[in-house]
């Protein structure tokens, strides 16, 4: 049975490993090794994760089964994507990854439900995310959860530029 909770500070290394492994499993085949390594080293460094866990502007939720982390969700209370929120309160869904072994288990949906509940609890007007243009499974998942395409953008993995879409969910 999958359970959900906030990660502990002493789990920064495990969370960094989870982030690297789920990203590589999902997208690793798209990149040259040097681009992938540069990205993983900067984004999933243990000290960077530890700083995020200590921040009041970043929120995490992990999915765990049998003592093993199988997925996670990361929210940002500040917008870093190419989007002007104006006077709206926007929560950015920065990452939502679940191991392929748990696709279809409801873990991804449970993490999304938590995201929406956090946005509601914080009186957010919108939830914003970026998704790879060719991630059709992701597009369908986000659309089922009330998100819609609003703009094209890009995402860098090392020196590799991914074409991405901005998706937005209006909360009220």
Protein backbone atom coordinates (compact mmCIF):
# COMPACT_ATOMS: atom_id res chain seq x y z
CA UNK A 1 0.00 0.00 0.00
CA UNK A 2 1.28 3.44 -0.96
CA UNK A 3 1.29 6.09 1.75
CA UNK A 4 1.96 9.82 1.45
CA UNK A 5 3.77 12.25 3.70
CA UNK A 6 6.15 15.18 3.85
CA UNK A 7 9.78 14.08 3.56
CA UNK A 8 12.05 14.47 6.57
CA UNK A 9 15.17 16.59 6.47
CA UNK A 10 17.33 13.47 6.97
CA UNK A 11 15.88 12.10 3.71
CA UNK A 12 17.51 14.72 1.47
CA UNK A 13 19.88 12.15 -0.06
CA UNK A 14 17.04 9.67 -0.65
CA UNK A 15 14.91 12.41 -2.21
CA UNK A 16 17.79 13.48 -4.47
CA UNK A 17 18.24 9.86 -5.58
CA UNK A 18 14.50 9.50 -6.18
CA UNK A 19 14.50 12.67 -8.30
CA UNK A 20 17.46 11.54 -10.40
CA UNK A 21 16.17 8.01 -10.90
CA UNK A 22 12.61 8.96 -11.83
CA UNK A 23 13.84 11.67 -14.22
CA UNK A 24 16.29 9.28 -15.91
CA UNK A 25 13.68 6.54 -16.12
CA UNK A 26 11.21 8.90 -17.76
CA UNK A 27 13.41 11.14 -19.90
CA UNK A 28 17.02 9.95 -19.74
CA UNK A 29 16.94 8.44 -23.24
CA UNK A 30 16.36 11.89 -24.77
CA UNK A 31 19.69 13.44 -23.86
CA UNK A 32 23.38 13.18 -24.52
CA UNK A 33 25.13 11.79 -21.42
CA UNK A 34 26.98 15.04 -20.72
CA UNK A 35 23.77 17.12 -20.87
CA UNK A 36 21.92 14.68 -18.64
CA UNK A 37 24.76 14.54 -16.11
CA UNK A 38 25.07 18.33 -15.93
CA UNK A 39 21.33 18.63 -15.31
CA UNK A 40 21.16 15.87 -12.68
CA UNK A 41 24.20 17.23 -10.84
CA UNK A 42 22.72 20.71 -10.53
CA UNK A 43 19.03 19.97 -9.99
CA UNK A 44 19.28 16.88 -7.79
CA UNK A 45 22.30 17.74 -5.66
CA UNK A 46 21.73 16.66 -2.07
CA UNK A 47 22.65 20.08 -0.68
CA UNK A 48 20.17 21.75 -3.07
CA UNK A 49 17.42 19.38 -1.93
CA UNK A 50 18.32 20.06 1.70
CA UNK A 51 18.02 23.83 1.14
CA UNK A 52 14.62 23.26 -0.47
CA UNK A 53 13.45 21.14 2.46
CA UNK A 54 14.48 23.99 4.77
CA UNK A 55 12.68 26.60 2.66
CA UNK A 56 9.19 27.83 3.43
CA UNK A 57 8.72 28.54 -0.32
CA UNK A 58 9.09 24.91 -1.49
CA UNK A 59 6.76 22.08 -0.50
CA UNK A 60 7.34 18.36 -1.01
CA UNK A 61 5.16 15.28 -0.73
CA UNK A 62 6.51 11.75 -1.14
CA UNK A 63 4.82 8.50 -2.01
CA UNK A 64 6.20 5.52 -0.13
CA UNK A 65 5.56 1.79 -0.34
CA UNK A 66 7.18 -0.82 1.84
CA UNK A 67 9.71 1.68 3.19
CA UNK A 68 10.79 2.73 -0.33
CA UNK A 69 10.11 6.09 -1.94
CA UNK A 70 8.24 5.50 -5.21
CA UNK A 71 7.29 9.04 -6.22
CA UNK A 72 7.17 12.65 -5.19
CA UNK A 73 5.71 16.05 -5.88
CA UNK A 74 7.41 19.42 -5.48
CA UNK A 75 5.56 22.74 -5.35
CA UNK A 76 6.93 26.25 -5.45
CA UNK A 77 5.19 29.22 -3.91
CA UNK A 78 7.12 31.52 -6.26
CA UNK A 79 6.77 31.45 -10.05
CA UNK A 80 10.00 30.62 -11.87
CA UNK A 81 8.42 29.79 -15.24
CA UNK A 82 7.91 32.31 -18.04
CA UNK A 83 4.53 33.53 -16.80
CA UNK A 84 3.38 36.82 -15.36
CA UNK A 85 0.87 36.13 -12.58
CA UNK A 86 -0.01 39.80 -12.19
CA UNK A 87 -1.75 40.17 -8.84
CA UNK A 88 -2.78 36.51 -8.70
CA UNK A 89 -1.47 33.98 -6.20
CA UNK A 90 0.07 31.15 -8.22
CA UNK A 91 1.49 27.85 -7.06
CA UNK A 92 3.96 26.25 -9.42
CA UNK A 93 3.93 22.48 -9.77
CA UNK A 94 7.65 22.03 -10.29
CA UNK A 95 7.92 18.24 -10.37
CA UNK A 96 5.61 15.27 -10.12
CA UNK A 97 7.32 11.94 -10.77
CA UNK A 98 6.34 8.37 -10.00
CA UNK A 99 8.35 5.30 -10.94
CA UNK A 100 6.93 3.49 -13.98
CA UNK A 101 6.31 0.47 -11.75
CA UNK A 102 3.66 2.59 -10.01
CA UNK A 103 2.03 4.17 -13.05
CA UNK A 104 -1.68 3.41 -12.89
CA UNK A 105 -1.51 2.75 -9.13
CA UNK A 106 -3.15 6.05 -8.22
CA UNK A 107 0.09 7.44 -6.74
CA UNK A 108 0.36 10.21 -9.34
CA UNK A 109 -3.27 11.15 -8.84
CA UNK A 110 -2.87 11.20 -5.07
CA UNK A 111 0.09 13.58 -5.43
CA UNK A 112 -1.97 15.76 -7.79
CA UNK A 113 -4.86 15.73 -5.33
CA UNK A 114 -2.44 16.96 -2.65
CA UNK A 115 -1.25 19.70 -5.02
CA UNK A 116 -4.80 20.91 -5.59
CA UNK A 117 -5.59 20.72 -1.87
CA UNK A 118 -2.48 22.78 -1.06
CA UNK A 119 -3.48 25.37 -3.64
CA UNK A 120 -6.97 25.55 -2.14
CA UNK A 121 -5.63 25.78 1.42
CA UNK A 122 -3.31 28.62 0.40
CA UNK A 123 -6.07 30.44 -1.49
CA UNK A 124 -4.14 30.21 -4.74
CA UNK A 125 -5.83 31.56 -7.84
CA UNK A 126 -3.95 29.25 -10.20
CA UNK A 127 -1.59 26.28 -10.45
CA UNK A 128 1.06 26.53 -13.16
CA UNK A 129 3.31 23.84 -14.63
CA UNK A 130 5.55 23.10 -17.57
CA UNK A 131 5.36 19.79 -19.44
CA UNK A 132 7.46 18.43 -22.31
CA UNK A 133 5.68 19.03 -25.62
CA UNK A 134 5.87 15.33 -26.56
CA UNK A 135 4.75 13.95 -23.19
CA UNK A 136 1.25 13.04 -24.32
CA UNK A 137 0.60 10.90 -21.25
CA UNK A 138 1.42 13.91 -19.08
CA UNK A 139 -0.81 16.18 -21.17
CA UNK A 140 -3.78 13.84 -20.71
CA UNK A 141 -3.13 13.53 -16.97
CA UNK A 142 -2.97 17.28 -16.48
CA UNK A 143 -6.02 17.92 -18.67
CA UNK A 144 -8.03 15.37 -16.65
CA UNK A 145 -7.10 17.43 -13.60
CA UNK A 146 -8.38 20.70 -15.01
CA UNK A 147 -5.23 22.12 -16.59
CA UNK A 148 -5.16 23.73 -20.01
CA UNK A 149 -2.42 24.81 -22.40
CA UNK A 150 -1.66 28.54 -22.22
CA UNK A 151 1.71 29.00 -23.95
CA UNK A 152 4.79 27.39 -25.43
CA UNK A 153 8.04 27.60 -23.50
CA UNK A 154 11.31 25.68 -23.24
CA UNK A 155 13.35 23.81 -20.64
CA UNK A 156 17.09 23.28 -20.62
CA UNK A 157 18.74 19.98 -19.78
CA UNK A 158 22.41 20.81 -19.92
CA UNK A 159 22.84 22.36 -23.39
CA UNK A 160 19.76 20.58 -24.76
CA UNK A 161 16.64 22.68 -25.29
CA UNK A 162 13.32 20.89 -24.79
CA UNK A 163 10.18 22.38 -26.26
CA UNK A 164 7.60 22.56 -23.48
CA UNK A 165 4.07 23.75 -22.84
CA UNK A 166 2.83 25.85 -19.97
CA UNK A 167 -0.37 24.43 -18.50
CA UNK A 168 -2.56 26.34 -16.07
CA UNK A 169 -5.39 25.33 -13.74
CA UNK A 170 -7.66 28.09 -12.55
CA UNK A 171 -8.74 27.51 -8.96
CA UNK A 172 -11.69 29.91 -8.84
